Structure formats: C-alpha cells, structure tokens
Amino acid sequence: MCAEIADEPRFHDKIKQWISEGTVPPFTFVSVETKKKRQARKRRWEAEAEEAKRLGAEMEGGEGEWGGEGRGGSVSVKGRRDGQLEG
C-alpha cells in the first residue's frame, strides 16, 4: 500500500467504523494496540522510508532526491525488449 505513517489515524478511524457497523470483525491491532507498539511501527516505517530514499538515490546516480536528470545512459525497458541490452 502506498501510504505514510500520517495516514494511519484515518485508517484506524475507518476500520473502527466498519467494526462498529459489523462490516468487519474486530481487529486486535486497532482495538487494543499499545502506544509502545504504535511507536515501534512508526520507527520501522521511518527506517524503511530512509532506506528507500537512499536506494533510490543510489539507483539514480546519487544526485537530488531521485538522482538528478537521468539514469546515466541506462537502457529503457523497451530497449531491452528490442535487443539493445545483451546478457
């Protein structure tokens, strides 16, 4: 899912609404989650986001948020299909 940690309260509210309506069964992570578990999940999310940013920069050449203007002459997917990339 493409969501950020800031979206979590909105998801919890929606799930709680569905639980109260009887649309879905109660989920433990929504109804009885501790503050410590929420904080641990937030730390994991932040670490994963930082890793994704770092890997994106490495893949794109290390300039700017995603590595600058291009990918340093890499061959596109179409180019690979058309046989421009051997191996």
Protein backbone atom coordinates (compact mmCIF):
# COMPACT_ATOMS: atom_id res chain seq x y z
CA MET A 1 0.00 0.00 0.00
CA CYS A 2 1.30 3.46 -0.82
CA ALA A 3 0.58 5.21 2.46
CA GLU A 4 2.53 7.16 5.02
CA ILE A 5 2.51 6.88 8.78
CA ALA A 6 0.46 10.09 8.92
CA ASP A 7 -2.38 8.22 7.16
CA GLU A 8 -2.65 5.67 9.96
CA PRO A 9 -5.16 7.53 12.19
CA ARG A 10 -7.52 7.88 9.23
CA PHE A 11 -7.24 4.13 8.52
CA HIS A 12 -7.85 3.29 12.18
CA ASP A 13 -10.95 5.51 12.26
CA LYS A 14 -12.35 3.87 9.13
CA ILE A 15 -11.67 0.36 10.45
CA LYS A 16 -13.27 1.25 13.80
CA GLN A 17 -16.33 2.50 11.91
CA TRP A 18 -16.56 -0.77 9.97
CA ILE A 19 -16.18 -2.76 13.20
CA SER A 20 -18.99 -0.80 14.88
CA GLU A 21 -21.20 -1.34 11.80
CA GLY A 22 -20.46 -5.08 11.90
CA THR A 23 -18.97 -4.99 8.40
CA VAL A 24 -15.68 -6.49 9.57
CA PRO A 25 -14.69 -8.46 12.68
CA PRO A 26 -12.73 -6.68 15.43
CA PHE A 27 -9.02 -6.39 14.70
CA THR A 28 -6.72 -6.53 17.72
CA PHE A 29 -4.21 -4.08 16.24
CA VAL A 30 -6.95 -1.46 16.04
CA SER A 31 -8.81 -2.03 19.26
CA VAL A 32 -6.13 -2.86 21.85
CA GLU A 33 -2.81 -1.71 20.43
CA THR A 34 -0.40 -0.15 22.92
CA LYS A 35 1.36 3.16 22.47
CA LYS A 36 4.68 1.28 22.54
CA LYS A 37 3.66 -0.88 19.55
CA ARG A 38 2.49 2.19 17.59
CA GLN A 39 5.81 3.92 18.25
CA ALA A 40 7.77 0.82 17.20
CA ARG A 41 5.79 0.64 13.94
CA LYS A 42 6.47 4.33 13.32
CA ARG A 43 10.22 3.80 13.84
CA ARG A 44 10.18 0.84 11.41
CA TRP A 45 8.27 2.91 8.85
CA GLU A 46 10.74 5.81 9.17
CA ALA A 47 13.72 3.46 8.80
CA GLU A 48 12.16 1.87 5.72
CA ALA A 49 11.40 5.28 4.19
CA GLU A 50 15.00 6.39 4.73
CA GLU A 51 16.30 3.18 3.16
CA ALA A 52 14.01 3.62 0.15
CA LYS A 53 15.24 7.18 -0.32
CA ARG A 54 18.88 6.07 -0.06
CA LEU A 55 18.39 3.19 -2.50
CA GLY A 56 16.52 5.44 -4.91
CA ALA A 57 19.43 7.87 -4.89
CA GLU A 58 21.91 5.03 -5.48
CA MET A 59 19.87 3.70 -8.39
CA GLU A 60 19.57 7.10 -10.00
CA GLY A 61 23.16 8.26 -9.62
CA GLY A 62 23.10 9.93 -6.23
CA GLU A 63 22.04 13.45 -7.21
CA GLY A 64 18.93 15.10 -5.83
CA GLU A 65 16.01 13.26 -4.33
CA TRP A 66 15.93 10.61 -7.05
CA GLY A 67 19.29 11.06 -8.66
CA GLY A 68 19.10 14.02 -10.97
CA GLU A 69 18.09 14.24 -14.60
CA GLY A 70 18.52 10.70 -15.82
CA ARG A 71 19.95 7.32 -15.16
CA GLY A 72 23.34 7.78 -16.73
CA GLY A 73 22.56 6.25 -20.09
CA SER A 74 20.83 3.10 -18.91
CA VAL A 75 18.74 1.27 -21.48
CA SER A 76 14.99 1.52 -21.16
CA VAL A 77 12.69 -1.48 -20.80
CA LYS A 78 11.69 -1.02 -24.44
CA GLY A 79 15.37 -1.02 -25.37
CA ARG A 80 15.87 -4.31 -23.57
CA ARG A 81 12.91 -5.84 -25.35
CA ASP A 82 14.28 -4.60 -28.68
CA GLY A 83 17.63 -6.29 -28.04
CA GLN A 84 19.71 -3.22 -27.17
CA LEU A 85 20.93 -4.84 -23.97
CA GLU A 86 22.85 -8.06 -24.29
CA GLY A 87 23.20 -10.57 -21.45
